[in-house]
Protein backbone atom coordinates (compact mmCIF):
# COMPACT_ATOMS: atom_id res chain seq x y z
CA MET A 1 -7.01 -4.63 -19.56
CA THR A 2 -7.31 -1.46 -17.42
CA VAL A 3 -9.90 -0.76 -15.07
CA THR A 4 -12.62 0.50 -17.21
CA ALA A 5 -11.89 -1.86 -19.16
CA VAL A 6 -12.48 -4.54 -16.39
CA CYS A 7 -15.70 -2.04 -15.44
CA ALA A 8 -17.53 -2.29 -18.31
CA ALA A 9 -16.90 -6.11 -19.08
CA LEU A 10 -18.60 -6.21 -15.77
CA VAL A 11 -21.76 -3.73 -15.91
CA ALA A 12 -22.44 -5.86 -18.67
CA THR A 13 -23.20 -8.77 -17.33
CA THR A 14 -24.73 -6.87 -14.04
CA ALA A 15 -27.77 -9.03 -14.34
CA VAL A 16 -26.64 -12.61 -15.04
CA THR A 17 -23.04 -12.37 -12.46
CA ALA A 18 -25.32 -10.72 -10.15
CA PRO A 19 -28.12 -13.43 -8.40
CA ALA A 20 -29.87 -13.00 -5.19
CA HIS A 21 -27.30 -13.86 -2.28
CA ALA A 22 -28.57 -15.67 0.51
CA ALA A 23 -27.60 -13.23 2.92
CA GLU A 24 -28.54 -10.37 1.10
CA ALA A 25 -31.91 -10.55 3.35
CA GLY A 26 -29.34 -8.38 6.04
CA ALA A 27 -27.59 -6.02 3.02
CA ASN A 28 -28.94 -2.68 2.90
CA ARG A 29 -27.64 0.12 0.79
CA HIS A 30 -25.30 3.30 1.29
CA SER A 31 -26.80 6.41 0.71
CA SER A 32 -24.12 6.43 -3.00
CA GLY A 33 -26.58 2.95 -4.23
CA LEU A 34 -23.43 0.99 -3.20
CA ILE A 35 -24.49 -2.14 -1.17
CA LEU A 36 -23.13 -2.84 2.28
CA LEU A 37 -23.03 -5.81 3.49
CA ASN A 38 -22.06 -7.72 7.30
CA ALA A 39 -18.92 -8.37 7.96
CA GLU A 40 -20.41 -12.44 8.65
CA ASN A 41 -22.36 -12.84 6.26
CA VAL A 42 -20.68 -12.24 3.03
CA HIS A 43 -19.77 -16.15 2.34
CA SER A 44 -22.24 -18.66 2.22
CA ILE A 45 -21.19 -21.84 4.69
CA ILE A 46 -20.58 -24.77 2.62
CA PRO A 47 -21.79 -27.47 3.51
CA GLU A 48 -19.26 -30.65 4.66
CA ALA A 49 -20.63 -32.80 2.35
CA LEU A 50 -19.73 -30.87 -0.35
CA ARG A 51 -16.55 -29.20 0.38
CA ASP A 52 -14.27 -32.00 -1.72
CA ALA A 53 -16.63 -31.62 -4.97
CA VAL A 54 -16.98 -27.92 -4.70
CA GLY A 55 -12.87 -28.31 -4.45
CA VAL A 56 -12.89 -30.62 -7.62
CA TYR A 57 -14.47 -28.35 -9.28
CA ASP A 58 -13.05 -25.25 -8.38
CA LEU A 59 -10.15 -26.37 -9.98
CA LEU A 60 -11.31 -27.51 -13.33
CA ALA A 61 -12.33 -23.21 -13.21
CA GLU A 62 -9.27 -21.69 -11.93
CA ALA A 63 -7.49 -23.67 -14.87
CA ASN A 64 -9.26 -22.85 -17.25
CA PRO A 65 -10.17 -19.09 -15.97
CA ASP A 66 -11.10 -17.70 -19.45
CA ASP A 67 -14.32 -20.69 -19.42
CA PHE A 68 -14.98 -20.33 -16.19
CA GLY A 69 -16.69 -18.54 -12.47
CA TYR A 70 -16.23 -19.88 -9.65
CA ALA A 71 -17.78 -22.99 -7.98
CA TYR A 72 -19.57 -23.29 -4.83
CA ALA A 73 -22.27 -24.48 -3.15
CA SER A 74 -26.09 -23.45 -3.15
CA GLY A 75 -29.00 -25.11 -1.68
CA GLY A 76 -27.80 -28.60 -1.24
CA SER A 77 -25.52 -28.13 -4.89
CA VAL A 78 -22.38 -27.91 -6.25
CA VAL A 79 -22.81 -25.22 -8.47
CA VAL A 80 -20.21 -23.72 -11.40
CA ASP A 81 -20.73 -20.91 -13.44
CA VAL A 82 -19.87 -21.79 -16.75
CA THR A 83 -18.63 -18.53 -19.29
CA THR A 84 -17.49 -20.05 -23.14
CA ASP A 85 -19.03 -23.92 -25.03
CA ALA A 86 -16.04 -24.99 -24.20
CA GLY A 87 -16.22 -24.55 -20.32
CA ALA A 88 -19.47 -25.98 -20.38
CA ALA A 89 -17.83 -29.24 -22.86
CA ARG A 90 -15.11 -29.94 -20.12
CA LEU A 91 -17.64 -28.94 -16.92
CA ASP A 92 -19.36 -32.33 -18.71
CA ALA A 93 -16.30 -34.35 -19.57
CA MET A 94 -15.78 -33.93 -16.03
CA ARG A 95 -18.59 -35.27 -14.45
CA GLN A 96 -18.60 -38.18 -16.70
CA GLY A 97 -15.18 -38.98 -15.97
CA LYS A 98 -13.94 -38.66 -19.63
CA ALA A 99 -10.51 -37.61 -20.34
CA LEU A 100 -10.26 -33.43 -20.26
CA ASP A 101 -7.97 -31.21 -22.56
CA THR A 102 -4.56 -29.39 -21.16
CA PRO A 103 -5.80 -25.80 -19.58
CA ALA A 104 -4.31 -23.36 -21.75
CA HIS A 105 -3.14 -21.50 -17.93
CA ASP A 106 -1.34 -24.33 -17.04
CA PRO A 107 1.93 -24.95 -18.54
CA MET A 108 3.83 -27.15 -16.46
CA GLY A 109 0.47 -29.61 -16.05
CA LYS A 110 0.39 -29.14 -12.70
CA ALA A 111 -3.38 -29.07 -12.71
CA ALA A 112 -3.90 -31.07 -15.73
CA GLN A 113 -2.72 -34.03 -13.41
CA ALA A 114 -4.92 -32.94 -10.24
CA ILE A 115 -7.77 -32.30 -12.47
CA ALA A 116 -7.19 -36.12 -13.28
CA ASP A 117 -6.52 -37.51 -10.01
CA SER A 118 -9.76 -35.70 -8.38
CA GLN A 119 -11.98 -36.88 -11.38
CA ALA A 120 -12.83 -39.89 -10.45
CA SER A 121 -14.10 -38.59 -6.96
CA VAL A 122 -16.85 -36.24 -8.64
CA ALA A 123 -17.43 -38.51 -11.51
CA GLY A 124 -21.33 -38.98 -11.84
CA MET A 125 -22.57 -36.84 -9.08
CA PRO A 126 -25.16 -34.01 -9.67
CA VAL A 127 -24.21 -30.35 -10.34
CA VAL A 128 -25.06 -27.46 -11.56
CA ALA A 129 -23.85 -25.60 -13.72
CA ARG A 130 -25.07 -21.77 -14.19
CA ARG A 131 -24.10 -19.67 -17.62
CA VAL A 132 -23.27 -16.37 -17.14
CA SER A 133 -21.07 -13.60 -18.70
CA ALA A 134 -18.07 -11.88 -16.61
CA SER A 135 -15.41 -15.57 -16.17
CA ARG A 136 -12.96 -15.52 -13.29
CA THR A 137 -10.21 -13.90 -15.10
CA VAL A 138 -12.39 -10.68 -15.48
CA ILE A 139 -13.37 -10.51 -11.71
CA GLU A 140 -10.11 -11.66 -10.79
CA ARG A 141 -7.93 -8.96 -12.51
CA PHE A 142 -11.59 -6.48 -10.81
CA LYS A 143 -9.83 -7.41 -7.76
CA HIS A 144 -6.57 -6.89 -7.84
CA GLU A 145 -7.24 -3.34 -9.14
CA LEU A 146 -9.16 -2.24 -6.96
CA ALA A 147 -6.45 -3.32 -4.49
CA ASP A 148 -4.05 -1.16 -6.34
CA VAL A 149 -5.57 1.91 -6.42
CA ALA A 150 -7.05 1.08 -2.81
CA TYR A 151 -4.50 4.37 -1.54
CA ALA A 152 -2.87 5.12 -4.93
CA ASP A 153 -6.86 7.36 -5.35
CA PRO A 154 -6.24 9.64 -2.28
CA ALA A 155 -10.65 10.32 -2.52
CA LEU A 156 -10.17 6.58 -1.48
CA ALA A 157 -7.05 6.13 0.38
CA PRO A 158 -9.04 7.66 3.54
CA ALA A 159 -11.21 4.93 3.74
CA GLY A 160 -8.94 2.68 4.58
CA ILE A 161 -9.20 0.16 1.98
CA TRP A 162 -7.76 -3.53 3.60
CA GLN A 163 -8.64 -6.33 2.03
CA THR A 164 -10.61 -7.26 -1.37
CA GLU A 165 -12.43 -10.84 -2.32
CA VAL A 166 -14.48 -12.64 -4.64
CA GLN A 167 -18.18 -13.51 -3.21
CA ARG A 168 -18.44 -16.57 -5.39
CA ASP A 169 -22.16 -16.90 -5.76
CA THR A 170 -22.56 -13.13 -6.85
CA GLY A 171 -19.65 -12.36 -9.01
CA ARG A 172 -19.45 -9.68 -6.93
CA VAL A 173 -16.30 -7.93 -5.80
CA VAL A 174 -16.31 -7.23 -1.71
CA VAL A 175 -14.38 -4.43 -0.44
CA ARG A 176 -13.63 -4.39 3.56
CA LEU A 177 -12.64 -1.05 4.53
CA VAL A 178 -12.19 1.40 7.60
CA LYS A 179 -14.61 3.74 7.10
CA LEU A 180 -16.60 4.30 4.02
CA THR A 181 -16.09 8.13 3.13
CA GLU A 182 -18.91 10.10 1.58
CA ALA A 183 -15.69 10.88 -1.20
CA ALA A 184 -14.74 6.85 -1.08
CA ALA A 185 -18.03 6.13 -1.98
CA ALA A 186 -18.48 8.78 -4.80
CA ARG A 187 -15.25 6.89 -6.08
CA ILE A 188 -16.24 3.79 -5.75
CA VAL A 189 -19.39 4.19 -8.06
CA GLU A 190 -18.00 6.68 -10.26
CA LEU A 191 -14.88 4.06 -11.17
CA TYR A 192 -16.77 1.23 -10.94
CA GLY A 193 -20.70 1.46 -10.32
CA THR A 194 -23.03 0.59 -8.04
CA GLU A 195 -23.78 -3.75 -8.44
CA GLN A 196 -19.98 -5.21 -9.33
CA VAL A 197 -18.78 -3.99 -5.77
CA ALA A 198 -19.94 -4.56 -2.11
CA VAL A 199 -18.78 -3.18 1.38
CA VAL A 200 -17.88 -3.84 4.31
CA GLU A 201 -17.27 -2.05 7.48
CA GLN A 202 -15.07 -3.44 9.26
CA ALA A 203 -11.58 -2.17 11.61
CA ASN A 204 -8.36 -3.78 10.19
CA PRO A 205 -7.94 -6.73 12.25
CA ASP A 206 -3.58 -6.18 12.00
CA GLY A 207 -3.82 -3.24 13.14
CA ASN A 208 -2.22 -0.48 10.46
CA ASP A 209 -5.54 0.39 9.91
CA ASP A 210 -6.91 3.97 10.72
CA VAL A 211 -3.73 4.89 11.16
CA GLY A 212 -1.52 8.40 9.51
CA ARG A 213 0.82 10.97 9.70
CA LEU A 214 0.04 11.61 13.68
CA ASP A 215 -1.21 8.43 14.88
CA ASP A 216 1.34 5.79 12.60
CA GLY A 217 1.36 2.54 14.44
CA TRP A 218 3.52 -0.84 13.44
CA PRO A 219 4.30 -2.18 10.39
CA PHE A 220 5.78 1.88 10.42
CA TYR A 221 5.19 3.99 7.42
CA GLY A 222 7.91 6.84 6.55
CA GLY A 223 6.44 10.72 6.96
CA ALA A 224 4.61 10.22 10.12
CA ARG A 225 5.43 12.31 13.39
CA ILE A 226 7.71 11.14 16.08
CA ASN A 227 8.39 11.44 19.52
CA ALA A 228 12.71 11.94 19.63
CA PRO A 229 15.08 12.89 22.02
CA ALA A 230 15.25 16.30 20.75
CA GLY A 231 11.77 17.12 20.79
CA SER A 232 9.20 16.32 18.03
CA CYS A 233 10.29 14.88 14.31
CA THR A 234 8.96 13.45 11.63
CA ASP A 235 10.20 9.49 9.98
CA ALA A 236 11.28 9.76 6.77
CA PHE A 237 12.28 5.85 5.72
CA SER A 238 12.00 2.08 6.63
CA TRP A 239 14.96 0.46 6.50
CA ASN A 240 16.25 -3.28 6.38
CA ILE A 241 18.90 -3.62 8.48
CA SER A 242 19.48 -7.16 8.16
CA SER A 243 17.37 -9.83 8.29
CA GLY A 244 14.47 -9.52 10.30
CA VAL A 245 15.46 -6.59 11.64
CA HIS A 246 13.76 -3.57 11.25
CA GLY A 247 14.72 0.32 10.89
CA MET A 248 13.56 4.07 10.20
CA LEU A 249 15.19 6.60 8.53
CA THR A 250 15.14 10.12 10.50
CA ALA A 251 17.82 13.33 10.96
CA GLY A 252 20.89 13.03 12.90
CA HIS A 253 19.71 16.48 14.86
CA CYS A 254 16.50 14.55 16.04
CA ALA A 255 18.43 12.15 18.52
CA PRO A 256 22.31 13.79 19.24
CA ASN A 257 22.82 11.27 21.59
CA GLY A 258 20.48 8.44 20.46
CA GLY A 259 17.21 7.19 22.15
CA SER A 260 13.97 5.96 22.55
CA VAL A 261 11.54 6.77 19.60
CA SER A 262 7.77 6.65 19.76
CA THR A 263 4.48 7.73 17.24
CA LEU A 264 2.10 9.29 18.65
CA HIS A 265 0.17 6.41 18.71
CA GLU A 266 2.75 3.39 20.19
CA TYR A 267 6.50 2.83 20.73
CA LEU A 268 8.84 2.32 17.96
CA GLY A 269 12.54 1.60 18.94
CA SER A 270 15.55 2.82 19.95
CA ILE A 271 18.49 4.48 18.37
CA THR A 272 21.64 4.09 19.59
CA SER A 273 24.42 6.84 20.38
CA GLY A 274 27.26 7.44 17.70
CA SER A 275 26.61 4.27 15.93
CA ARG A 276 22.97 5.09 14.35
CA GLU A 277 23.66 8.70 14.82
CA ASN A 278 25.92 11.54 13.08
CA TYR A 279 25.16 14.65 14.82
CA SER A 280 26.41 16.13 18.17
CA SER A 281 26.58 19.96 19.32
CA SER A 282 28.81 20.95 16.97
CA GLY A 283 26.53 20.20 13.93
CA THR A 284 27.71 16.80 12.19
CA VAL A 285 30.06 14.23 13.04
CA PHE A 286 32.11 10.95 11.13
CA LEU A 287 30.35 7.54 12.56
CA PRO A 288 32.85 5.76 13.74
CA GLY A 289 35.28 3.24 11.05
CA GLN A 290 34.22 6.26 8.24
CA THR A 291 36.23 9.68 6.52
CA VAL A 292 32.58 11.33 4.81
CA TYR A 293 30.60 13.33 5.68
CA ARG A 294 27.10 12.18 6.05
CA GLY A 295 24.90 15.02 6.45
CA ASP A 296 22.37 15.02 9.43
CA MET A 297 20.96 11.60 9.70
CA ALA A 298 20.00 8.68 12.60
CA LEU A 299 18.59 5.13 11.68
CA ALA A 300 16.10 3.94 14.52
CA GLN A 301 15.96 0.33 15.01
CA VAL A 302 12.40 -1.35 15.70
CA THR A 303 11.54 -2.85 18.78
CA SER A 304 11.19 -6.74 18.35
CA GLY A 305 7.92 -7.60 17.67
CA LYS A 306 7.17 -4.93 15.71
CA THR A 307 7.79 -4.23 11.78
CA SER A 308 8.40 -1.44 9.37
CA ALA A 309 6.94 -1.25 5.82
CA ALA A 310 8.42 0.08 2.92
CA ARG A 311 5.48 2.89 2.45
CA ILE A 312 4.70 6.32 3.50
CA TYR A 313 2.42 8.66 3.84
CA ARG A 314 1.51 11.29 1.42
CA GLY A 315 -0.95 14.37 1.52
CA VAL A 316 -1.68 16.94 4.60
CA TYR A 317 0.15 17.24 7.83
CA ASN A 318 -2.34 14.75 9.47
CA SER A 319 -3.03 12.41 5.87
CA THR A 320 -3.64 8.67 6.02
CA TRP A 321 -3.10 8.22 2.84
CA SER A 322 0.28 6.05 1.76
CA VAL A 323 2.24 4.86 -1.34
CA SER A 324 4.54 2.02 -1.96
CA VAL A 325 8.70 3.16 -1.80
CA ARG A 326 9.13 1.25 -5.25
CA SER A 327 13.25 2.44 -5.19
CA MET A 328 16.27 4.27 -3.98
CA TRP A 329 16.76 7.18 -6.74
CA SER A 330 19.35 5.77 -8.99
CA ARG A 331 21.84 8.64 -8.17
CA ARG A 332 22.34 10.84 -6.39
CA ALA A 333 21.14 14.18 -6.10
CA GLN A 334 22.11 16.78 -8.92
CA ARG A 335 21.57 20.36 -9.10
CA GLY A 336 18.32 21.08 -10.99
CA ASP A 337 16.27 17.99 -9.70
CA GLN A 338 13.09 18.67 -8.80
CA TYR A 339 11.26 16.65 -5.59
CA CYS A 340 8.79 16.57 -2.96
CA THR A 341 9.60 16.24 0.94
CA GLY A 342 6.93 14.70 3.61
CA GLY A 343 6.22 16.01 6.86
CA SER A 344 3.74 15.97 9.60
CA TYR A 345 3.40 19.13 10.03
CA SER A 346 3.75 20.95 6.62
CA GLY A 347 2.20 17.22 4.98
CA GLU A 348 3.89 17.38 1.93
CA ILE A 349 5.14 20.20 -0.33
CA CYS A 350 6.45 19.94 -3.78
CA GLY A 351 8.07 21.52 -6.43
CA TRP A 352 11.90 21.84 -4.53
CA LYS A 353 14.89 22.50 -7.37
CA VAL A 354 18.09 21.12 -6.10
CA ASP A 355 20.63 23.87 -6.24
CA PHE A 356 23.91 22.77 -3.99
CA VAL A 357 25.46 19.52 -3.47
CA SER A 358 27.48 18.14 -0.89
CA ILE A 359 28.00 21.86 0.57
CA ASP A 360 28.82 22.48 4.23
CA ARG A 361 25.87 24.98 5.75
CA TYR A 362 26.40 26.48 8.98
CA ILE A 363 22.77 26.92 10.26
CA SER A 364 21.40 27.61 13.33
CA GLY A 365 25.29 27.30 15.21
CA LYS A 366 25.87 24.20 13.97
CA TRP A 367 27.61 23.00 10.82
CA LYS A 368 25.71 20.86 8.42
CA ARG A 369 27.96 18.94 6.51
CA ASN A 370 27.84 17.17 2.54
CA ILE A 371 24.09 18.65 2.50
CA VAL A 372 21.94 19.31 -0.09
CA VAL A 373 19.86 22.60 -0.73
CA SER A 374 16.72 23.97 -2.72
CA TYR A 375 16.68 27.94 -2.85
CA TYR A 376 14.98 30.43 -3.66
CA ARG A 377 10.77 28.57 -3.53
CA GLN A 378 8.12 31.11 -2.93
CA GLY A 379 4.83 29.20 -1.41
CA TRP A 380 4.43 27.05 1.14
CA CYS A 381 7.36 26.46 3.72
CA THR A 382 8.66 23.41 5.83
CA ARG A 383 8.20 23.22 9.43
CA GLY A 384 9.75 22.93 12.47
CA GLY A 385 8.93 19.04 13.23
CA ASP A 386 8.69 17.87 9.96
CA SER A 387 12.92 17.37 10.27
CA GLY A 388 13.62 13.55 9.04
CA GLY A 389 10.61 13.81 7.28
CA ALA A 390 10.74 12.26 3.77
CA VAL A 391 12.31 13.68 0.55
CA TYR A 392 11.58 12.17 -2.52
CA THR A 393 10.61 12.25 -6.27
CA VAL A 394 6.93 10.65 -7.21
CA ASN A 395 6.68 8.25 -10.05
CA SER A 396 3.42 7.82 -12.70
CA ASP A 397 1.38 5.62 -10.56
CA GLY A 398 2.35 8.11 -7.24
CA ASN A 399 3.82 5.77 -5.96
CA VAL A 400 7.78 7.46 -4.99
CA ALA A 401 11.11 7.43 -5.01
CA ALA A 402 13.23 7.41 -1.80
CA LYS A 403 15.65 10.67 -1.88
CA GLY A 404 16.30 11.54 1.23
CA ILE A 405 15.99 13.03 4.54
CA HIS A 406 15.02 16.83 5.28
CA ASN A 407 17.23 18.65 7.44
CA ALA A 408 15.86 22.15 8.08
CA THR A 409 13.91 24.85 6.55
CA TYR A 410 14.58 28.56 6.77
CA GLY A 411 12.91 31.78 5.13
CA GLY A 412 8.72 32.20 4.63
CA GLY A 413 8.28 34.38 7.99
CA SER A 414 6.48 33.79 10.50
CA ASP A 415 3.55 32.29 8.42
CA ALA A 416 6.09 29.73 7.20
CA TYR A 417 4.94 31.53 3.24
CA GLY A 418 7.64 32.08 1.78
CA GLY A 419 7.72 35.78 -1.24
CA ALA A 420 9.88 37.32 -2.95
CA LEU A 421 11.49 39.10 -0.73
CA ASP A 422 11.46 35.95 1.71
CA PRO A 423 11.11 32.98 0.03
CA CYS A 424 11.93 29.00 1.35
CA SER A 425 15.04 26.98 1.12
CA GLU A 426 15.13 23.65 2.39
CA VAL A 427 18.43 21.47 3.07
CA PHE A 428 18.36 17.69 3.49
CA THR A 429 20.58 14.50 3.57
CA ASP A 430 20.87 12.08 0.43
CA ILE A 431 19.59 8.54 0.88
CA TRP A 432 23.38 7.36 -0.38
CA ASP A 433 24.52 8.58 1.99
CA ALA A 434 21.99 6.48 4.94
CA TYR A 435 23.48 3.65 2.16
CA TYR A 436 27.42 4.59 2.31
CA GLY A 437 26.77 4.87 6.33
CA PHE A 438 24.50 2.33 7.59
CA PRO A 439 24.46 -1.01 7.88
CA GLY A 440 20.98 -2.39 5.47
CA THR A 441 19.51 -1.33 3.26
CA LEU A 442 16.10 0.88 2.22
CA LYS A 443 12.61 -1.31 2.07
CA THR A 444 11.00 -1.30 -1.14
CA GLN A 445 8.77 -2.91 -2.77
């Protein structure tokens, strides 16, 4: 079921799935019409005397998600939302201690066994059945799909959505985000209306909430600005160096003798001279024990206690929008491949086309060896400081496949805009050279 279909099912049941919540007395509406909730008032406290019973009845609902909504406490009673006659019959049998059929969503029979083991504890206990139309299946799918679009939709990404959850006694999905921007509010209303979603503005307690290309924090994402030994650069992709050891790729010329790396937000880690970078005063050099030149690349090891994540920033130079890195490109770059670059000075530029692969080129007094080059692109060029940034292709879902590490640009003149007489060129190191040259693998999700 698509987001649109899920929303249609929910909107059709507004009257029965969204009764007044006890905490809504203090709620208010955004100018868009969205319900705004206080962070501490999203969920009512379940009285201790009812917690076990609520848990047992919710087990029944979870095992039969097409027939139920959720179980919760209200006014000193256990309430169970029911969507079908079959659900009502199961609930009545549960209350009376009668045998129950095996749930359709329980192929191993574990839920049926758990229900049978706990049924005696609620036999005869008063329970209120409330008929609703939106099933648990529909609402849970809605919750997950909201998470899916949180960073894939450019209008929502800057809001920093970091949690989606269900307010069980209303059936609403609650979205926790860093800042409800006007654009995000308008997009939420466009997609979901004003009654099936409630919003909480709250900082992300995990830390990487109000960050972006220019203020990245851990877990570190690719495409962010970094301070490297050779100056301002950009990082490319997250790397699994070994179990529990995290890394970030960038360009070798950003740290030709190794050294410390930080984002504009905090310390990231360090690059080991010689073994984790392949650049010198003459250009590309061999990595230890290798006999193949591998472009212009470096691998920073993230300091202990911090991590990197399989995401990169997309969008403009100061974007906060990030997407998943789904895979490493299935082969080396070939002539004619189209791709995008993502730097912290020029932002995302797409429409590049591979013209040469595995060439040596003399650039700015140094030889870059076994690099990939794109020639003759008109439009915006990459800029100084984009070095080390991500080179990738965009999948149909907006996430990316890693293709390489940006190394250099030329053309475009003083305004960095290539015309017919001064088109842009772009140079990158193939991601397969990082794979063959460094320990570990690309992080994907």
